[in-house]
Amino acid sequence: MNLTNAEIGKEYIIQSIDTQDDELNSFLFTLGCYSGQAITVLANKKNGIVISIKDSRYNIDLNLANLISII
């Protein structure tokens, strides 16, 4: 399952991030977005998803949300 299918307010664990872009992977890692990290979807917007990682909130676009697999 990926972030676009997640329930709002429920905590999940990031299983994998399926990007082929090393720069994007590095950026996500600096935000705390990596395998094994807890993540919560706070809201679904028209253009993206608001997530919470390590007590910080971020808005990511739907393309990126589709690449983040959760369990």
PDB file of N, CA and C in Angstrom:
ATOM      1  N   MET A   1       0.849  -1.168   0.000  1.00  0.00           N
ATOM      2  CA  MET A   1       0.000   0.000   0.000  1.00  0.00           C
ATOM      3  C   MET A   1       0.899   1.237   0.000  1.00  0.00           C
ATOM      4  N   ASN A   2       0.433   2.310  -0.632  1.00  0.00           N
ATOM      5  CA  ASN A   2       1.226   3.545  -0.624  1.00  0.00           C
ATOM      6  C   ASN A   2       0.467   4.649   0.113  1.00  0.00           C
ATOM      7  N   LEU A   3       1.087   5.787   0.246  1.00  0.00           N
ATOM      8  CA  LEU A   3       0.512   6.884   1.041  1.00  0.00           C
ATOM      9  C   LEU A   3      -0.829   7.393   0.516  1.00  0.00           C
ATOM     10  N   THR A   4      -1.057   7.287  -0.767  1.00  0.00           N
ATOM     11  CA  THR A   4      -2.324   7.790  -1.309  1.00  0.00           C
ATOM     12  C   THR A   4      -3.509   6.959  -0.831  1.00  0.00           C
ATOM     13  N   ASN A   5      -3.262   5.743  -0.361  1.00  0.00           N
ATOM     14  CA  ASN A   5      -4.322   4.873   0.134  1.00  0.00           C
ATOM     15  C   ASN A   5      -4.441   4.870   1.657  1.00  0.00           C
ATOM     16  N   ALA A   6      -3.620   5.632   2.340  1.00  0.00           N
ATOM     17  CA  ALA A   6      -3.578   5.621   3.800  1.00  0.00           C
ATOM     18  C   ALA A   6      -4.775   6.348   4.411  1.00  0.00           C
ATOM     19  N   GLU A   7      -5.180   5.871   5.590  1.00  0.00           N
ATOM     20  CA  GLU A   7      -6.237   6.532   6.350  1.00  0.00           C
ATOM     21  C   GLU A   7      -5.662   7.763   7.039  1.00  0.00           C
ATOM     22  N   ILE A   8      -6.450   8.813   7.085  1.00  0.00           N
ATOM     23  CA  ILE A   8      -6.026  10.043   7.755  1.00  0.00           C
ATOM     24  C   ILE A   8      -5.976   9.803   9.264  1.00  0.00           C
ATOM     25  N   GLY A   9      -4.880  10.216   9.875  1.00  0.00           N
ATOM     26  CA  GLY A   9      -4.719  10.132  11.321  1.00  0.00           C
ATOM     27  C   GLY A   9      -4.139   8.825  11.826  1.00  0.00           C
ATOM     28  N   LYS A  10      -3.980   7.834  10.976  1.00  0.00           N
ATOM     29  CA  LYS A  10      -3.432   6.544  11.390  1.00  0.00           C
ATOM     30  C   LYS A  10      -1.924   6.526  11.131  1.00  0.00           C
ATOM     31  N   GLU A  11      -1.171   5.993  12.096  1.00  0.00           N
ATOM     32  CA  GLU A  11       0.281   5.921  11.953  1.00  0.00           C
ATOM     33  C   GLU A  11       0.672   4.654  11.194  1.00  0.00           C
ATOM     34  N   TYR A  12       1.584   4.816  10.263  1.00  0.00           N
ATOM     35  CA  TYR A  12       2.101   3.714   9.453  1.00  0.00           C
ATOM     36  C   TYR A  12       3.617   3.699   9.553  1.00  0.00           C
ATOM     37  N   ILE A  13       4.219   2.631   9.064  1.00  0.00           N
ATOM     38  CA  ILE A  13       5.676   2.513   8.985  1.00  0.00           C
ATOM     39  C   ILE A  13       6.065   2.507   7.505  1.00  0.00           C
ATOM     40  N   ILE A  14       7.066   3.295   7.160  1.00  0.00           N
ATOM     41  CA  ILE A  14       7.531   3.336   5.776  1.00  0.00           C
ATOM     42  C   ILE A  14       8.242   2.016   5.471  1.00  0.00           C
ATOM     43  N   GLN A  15       7.750   1.328   4.452  1.00  0.00           N
ATOM     44  CA  GLN A  15       8.348   0.063   4.036  1.00  0.00           C
ATOM     45  C   GLN A  15       9.471   0.308   3.033  1.00  0.00           C
ATOM     46  N   SER A  16       9.203   1.167   2.039  1.00  0.00           N
ATOM     47  CA  SER A  16      10.222   1.484   1.045  1.00  0.00           C
ATOM     48  C   SER A  16       9.843   2.763   0.314  1.00  0.00           C
ATOM     49  N   ILE A  17      10.839   3.348  -0.322  1.00  0.00           N
ATOM     50  CA  ILE A  17      10.635   4.516  -1.174  1.00  0.00           C
ATOM     51  C   ILE A  17      11.206   4.146  -2.529  1.00  0.00           C
ATOM     52  N   ASP A  18      10.340   4.029  -3.508  1.00  0.00           N
ATOM     53  CA  ASP A  18      10.712   3.468  -4.808  1.00  0.00           C
ATOM     54  C   ASP A  18      11.072   4.539  -5.835  1.00  0.00           C
ATOM     55  N   THR A  19      12.108   5.321  -5.545  1.00  0.00           N
ATOM     56  CA  THR A  19      12.586   6.304  -6.508  1.00  0.00           C
ATOM     57  C   THR A  19      13.927   5.847  -7.051  1.00  0.00           C
ATOM     58  N   GLN A  20      14.242   6.241  -8.237  1.00  0.00           N
ATOM     59  CA  GLN A  20      15.539   5.949  -8.839  1.00  0.00           C
ATOM     60  C   GLN A  20      16.466   7.158  -8.768  1.00  0.00           C
ATOM     61  N   ASP A  21      15.999   8.227  -8.107  1.00  0.00           N
ATOM     62  CA  ASP A  21      16.731   9.488  -8.024  1.00  0.00           C
ATOM     63  C   ASP A  21      17.478   9.570  -6.692  1.00  0.00           C
ATOM     64  N   ASP A  22      18.790   9.464  -6.729  1.00  0.00           N
ATOM     65  CA  ASP A  22      19.603   9.499  -5.511  1.00  0.00           C
ATOM     66  C   ASP A  22      19.486  10.832  -4.780  1.00  0.00           C
ATOM     67  N   GLU A  23      19.366  11.912  -5.526  1.00  0.00           N
ATOM     68  CA  GLU A  23      19.233  13.233  -4.908  1.00  0.00           C
ATOM     69  C   GLU A  23      17.917  13.341  -4.138  1.00  0.00           C
ATOM     70  N   LEU A  24      16.836  12.831  -4.713  1.00  0.00           N
ATOM     71  CA  LEU A  24      15.535  12.838  -4.039  1.00  0.00           C
ATOM     72  C   LEU A  24      15.569  11.942  -2.811  1.00  0.00           C
ATOM     73  N   ASN A  25      16.183  10.771  -2.923  1.00  0.00           N
ATOM     74  CA  ASN A  25      16.316   9.881  -1.765  1.00  0.00           C
ATOM     75  C   ASN A  25      17.090  10.545  -0.637  1.00  0.00           C
ATOM     76  N   SER A  26      18.146  11.248  -0.975  1.00  0.00           N
ATOM     77  CA  SER A  26      18.952  11.952   0.019  1.00  0.00           C
ATOM     78  C   SER A  26      18.140  13.060   0.690  1.00  0.00           C
ATOM     79  N   PHE A  27      17.380  13.803  -0.105  1.00  0.00           N
ATOM     80  CA  PHE A  27      16.538  14.869   0.443  1.00  0.00           C
ATOM     81  C   PHE A  27      15.496  14.299   1.400  1.00  0.00           C
ATOM     82  N   LEU A  28      14.824  13.223   0.993  1.00  0.00           N
ATOM     83  CA  LEU A  28      13.810  12.605   1.846  1.00  0.00           C
ATOM     84  C   LEU A  28      14.433  12.082   3.139  1.00  0.00           C
ATOM     85  N   PHE A  29      15.635  11.557   3.052  1.00  0.00           N
ATOM     86  CA  PHE A  29      16.334  11.071   4.240  1.00  0.00           C
ATOM     87  C   PHE A  29      16.581  12.206   5.229  1.00  0.00           C
ATOM     88  N   THR A  30      16.951  13.385   4.733  1.00  0.00           N
ATOM     89  CA  THR A  30      17.187  14.524   5.631  1.00  0.00           C
ATOM     90  C   THR A  30      15.902  14.977   6.321  1.00  0.00           C
ATOM     91  N   LEU A  31      14.751  14.701   5.691  1.00  0.00           N
ATOM     92  CA  LEU A  31      13.462  15.032   6.315  1.00  0.00           C
ATOM     93  C   LEU A  31      13.051  13.977   7.337  1.00  0.00           C
ATOM     94  N   GLY A  32      13.719  12.838   7.322  1.00  0.00           N
ATOM     95  CA  GLY A  32      13.352  11.741   8.207  1.00  0.00           C
ATOM     96  C   GLY A  32      12.473  10.718   7.529  1.00  0.00           C
ATOM     97  N   CYS A  33      12.359  10.801   6.227  1.00  0.00           N
ATOM     98  CA  CYS A  33      11.504   9.902   5.451  1.00  0.00           C
ATOM     99  C   CYS A  33      12.359   8.776   4.881  1.00  0.00           C
ATOM    100  N   TYR A  34      12.425   7.640   5.606  1.00  0.00           N
ATOM    101  CA  TYR A  34      13.211   6.491   5.180  1.00  0.00           C
ATOM    102  C   TYR A  34      12.577   5.219   5.734  1.00  0.00           C
ATOM    103  N   SER A  35      12.984   4.080   5.236  1.00  0.00           N
ATOM    104  CA  SER A  35      12.418   2.792   5.641  1.00  0.00           C
ATOM    105  C   SER A  35      12.514   2.607   7.147  1.00  0.00           C
ATOM    106  N   GLY A  36      11.413   2.133   7.733  1.00  0.00           N
ATOM    107  CA  GLY A  36      11.363   1.882   9.167  1.00  0.00           C
ATOM    108  C   GLY A  36      10.856   3.048   9.994  1.00  0.00           C
ATOM    109  N   GLN A  37      10.730   4.217   9.401  1.00  0.00           N
ATOM    110  CA  GLN A  37      10.288   5.414  10.119  1.00  0.00           C
ATOM    111  C   GLN A  37       8.761   5.481  10.163  1.00  0.00           C
ATOM    112  N   ALA A  38       8.224   5.949  11.275  1.00  0.00           N
ATOM    113  CA  ALA A  38       6.772   6.141  11.414  1.00  0.00           C
ATOM    114  C   ALA A  38       6.341   7.369  10.621  1.00  0.00           C
ATOM    115  N   ILE A  39       5.167   7.283   9.997  1.00  0.00           N
ATOM    116  CA  ILE A  39       4.622   8.376   9.201  1.00  0.00           C
ATOM    117  C   ILE A  39       3.106   8.404   9.379  1.00  0.00           C
ATOM    118  N   THR A  40       2.537   9.587   9.432  1.00  0.00           N
ATOM    119  CA  THR A  40       1.102   9.754   9.587  1.00  0.00           C
ATOM    120  C   THR A  40       0.586  10.704   8.521  1.00  0.00           C
ATOM    121  N   VAL A  41      -0.497  10.329   7.860  1.00  0.00           N
ATOM    122  CA  VAL A  41      -1.145  11.216   6.898  1.00  0.00           C
ATOM    123  C   VAL A  41      -2.111  12.106   7.675  1.00  0.00           C
ATOM    124  N   LEU A  42      -1.924  13.416   7.570  1.00  0.00           N
ATOM    125  CA  LEU A  42      -2.763  14.360   8.297  1.00  0.00           C
ATOM    126  C   LEU A  42      -3.930  14.869   7.467  1.00  0.00           C
ATOM    127  N   ALA A  43      -3.731  14.962   6.149  1.00  0.00           N
ATOM    128  CA  ALA A  43      -4.799  15.474   5.279  1.00  0.00           C
ATOM    129  C   ALA A  43      -4.518  15.113   3.833  1.00  0.00           C
ATOM    130  N   ASN A  44      -5.578  14.922   3.083  1.00  0.00           N
ATOM    131  CA  ASN A  44      -5.484  14.742   1.629  1.00  0.00           C
ATOM    132  C   ASN A  44      -5.958  16.025   0.976  1.00  0.00           C
ATOM    133  N   LYS A  45      -5.117  16.635   0.201  1.00  0.00           N
ATOM    134  CA  LYS A  45      -5.450  17.847  -0.528  1.00  0.00           C
ATOM    135  C   LYS A  45      -5.582  17.520  -2.007  1.00  0.00           C
ATOM    136  N   LYS A  46      -6.074  18.469  -2.768  1.00  0.00           N
ATOM    137  CA  LYS A  46      -6.240  18.261  -4.207  1.00  0.00           C
ATOM    138  C   LYS A  46      -4.897  18.003  -4.901  1.00  0.00           C
ATOM    139  N   ASN A  47      -3.864  18.726  -4.488  1.00  0.00           N
ATOM    140  CA  ASN A  47      -2.565  18.635  -5.153  1.00  0.00           C
ATOM    141  C   ASN A  47      -1.555  17.772  -4.418  1.00  0.00           C
ATOM    142  N   GLY A  48      -1.890  17.295  -3.223  1.00  0.00           N
ATOM    143  CA  GLY A  48      -0.911  16.527  -2.476  1.00  0.00           C
ATOM    144  C   GLY A  48      -1.451  16.005  -1.168  1.00  0.00           C
ATOM    145  N   ILE A  49      -0.538  15.560  -0.333  1.00  0.00           N
ATOM    146  CA  ILE A  49      -0.866  14.959   0.950  1.00  0.00           C
ATOM    147  C   ILE A  49      -0.021  15.634   2.023  1.00  0.00           C
ATOM    148  N   VAL A  50      -0.646  15.960   3.146  1.00  0.00           N
ATOM    149  CA  VAL A  50       0.068  16.515   4.282  1.00  0.00           C
ATOM    150  C   VAL A  50       0.429  15.343   5.192  1.00  0.00           C
ATOM    151  N   ILE A  51       1.732  15.217   5.479  1.00  0.00           N
ATOM    152  CA  ILE A  51       2.210  14.113   6.308  1.00  0.00           C
ATOM    153  C   ILE A  51       2.933  14.645   7.537  1.00  0.00           C
ATOM    154  N   SER A  52       3.044  13.786   8.530  1.00  0.00           N
ATOM    155  CA  SER A  52       3.804  14.100   9.736  1.00  0.00           C
ATOM    156  C   SER A  52       4.881  13.043   9.911  1.00  0.00           C
ATOM    157  N   ILE A  53       6.121  13.511  10.022  1.00  0.00           N
ATOM    158  CA  ILE A  53       7.270  12.646  10.277  1.00  0.00           C
ATOM    159  C   ILE A  53       8.093  13.311  11.368  1.00  0.00           C
ATOM    160  N   LYS A  54       8.362  12.580  12.431  1.00  0.00           N
ATOM    161  CA  LYS A  54       9.193  13.103  13.526  1.00  0.00           C
ATOM    162  C   LYS A  54       8.719  14.473  14.005  1.00  0.00           C
ATOM    163  N   ASP A  55       7.437  14.619  14.269  1.00  0.00           N
ATOM    164  CA  ASP A  55       6.837  15.858  14.781  1.00  0.00           C
ATOM    165  C   ASP A  55       6.960  17.044  13.843  1.00  0.00           C
ATOM    166  N   SER A  56       7.218  16.799  12.569  1.00  0.00           N
ATOM    167  CA  SER A  56       7.248  17.860  11.559  1.00  0.00           C
ATOM    168  C   SER A  56       6.199  17.549  10.510  1.00  0.00           C
ATOM    169  N   ARG A  57       5.638  18.595   9.923  1.00  0.00           N
ATOM    170  CA  ARG A  57       4.614  18.434   8.896  1.00  0.00           C
ATOM    171  C   ARG A  57       5.159  18.858   7.542  1.00  0.00           C
ATOM    172  N   TYR A  58       4.826  18.057   6.524  1.00  0.00           N
ATOM    173  CA  TYR A  58       5.262  18.342   5.169  1.00  0.00           C
ATOM    174  C   TYR A  58       4.110  18.105   4.214  1.00  0.00           C
ATOM    175  N   ASN A  59       4.104  18.860   3.134  1.00  0.00           N
ATOM    176  CA  ASN A  59       3.145  18.650   2.060  1.00  0.00           C
ATOM    177  C   ASN A  59       3.909  18.054   0.882  1.00  0.00           C
ATOM    178  N   ILE A  60       3.497  16.849   0.460  1.00  0.00           N
ATOM    179  CA  ILE A  60       4.160  16.210  -0.670  1.00  0.00           C
ATOM    180  C   ILE A  60       3.150  16.026  -1.792  1.00  0.00           C
ATOM    181  N   ASP A  61       3.636  16.026  -3.021  1.00  0.00           N
ATOM    182  CA  ASP A  61       2.708  15.868  -4.144  1.00  0.00           C
ATOM    183  C   ASP A  61       2.300  14.406  -4.299  1.00  0.00           C
ATOM    184  N   LEU A  62       1.252  14.184  -5.067  1.00  0.00           N
ATOM    185  CA  LEU A  62       0.686  12.851  -5.225  1.00  0.00           C
ATOM    186  C   LEU A  62       1.643  11.887  -5.912  1.00  0.00           C
ATOM    187  N   ASN A  63       2.475  12.386  -6.827  1.00  0.00           N
ATOM    188  CA  ASN A  63       3.453  11.517  -7.492  1.00  0.00           C
ATOM    189  C   ASN A  63       4.437  10.926  -6.498  1.00  0.00           C
ATOM    190  N   LEU A  64       4.924  11.749  -5.599  1.00  0.00           N
ATOM    191  CA  LEU A  64       5.854  11.268  -4.587  1.00  0.00           C
ATOM    192  C   LEU A  64       5.139  10.360  -3.595  1.00  0.00           C
ATOM    193  N   ALA A  65       3.928  10.690  -3.217  1.00  0.00           N
ATOM    194  CA  ALA A  65       3.156   9.863  -2.290  1.00  0.00           C
ATOM    195  C   ALA A  65       2.940   8.459  -2.841  1.00  0.00           C
ATOM    196  N   ASN A  66       2.782   8.342  -4.153  1.00  0.00           N
ATOM    197  CA  ASN A  66       2.620   7.032  -4.780  1.00  0.00           C
ATOM    198  C   ASN A  66       3.887   6.184  -4.691  1.00  0.00           C
ATOM    199  N   LEU A  67       5.035   6.809  -4.529  1.00  0.00           N
ATOM    200  CA  LEU A  67       6.307   6.088  -4.474  1.00  0.00           C
ATOM    201  C   LEU A  67       6.674   5.599  -3.076  1.00  0.00           C
ATOM    202  N   ILE A  68       5.943   6.069  -2.063  1.00  0.00           N
ATOM    203  CA  ILE A  68       6.256   5.703  -0.674  1.00  0.00           C
ATOM    204  C   ILE A  68       5.325   4.572  -0.244  1.00  0.00           C
ATOM    205  N   SER A  69       5.912   3.389  -0.074  1.00  0.00           N
ATOM    206  CA  SER A  69       5.149   2.204   0.349  1.00  0.00           C
ATOM    207  C   SER A  69       5.128   2.148   1.876  1.00  0.00           C
ATOM    208  N   ILE A  70       3.961   1.823   2.429  1.00  0.00           N
ATOM    209  CA  ILE A  70       3.794   1.777   3.877  1.00  0.00           C
ATOM    210  C   ILE A  70       3.172   0.450   4.304  1.00  0.00           C
ATOM    211  N   ILE A  71       3.365   0.130   5.577  1.00  0.00           N
ATOM    212  CA  ILE A  71       2.724  -1.033   6.170  1.00  0.00           C
ATOM    213  C   ILE A  71       2.044  -0.639   7.463  1.00  0.00           C
TER     214      ILE A  71
END
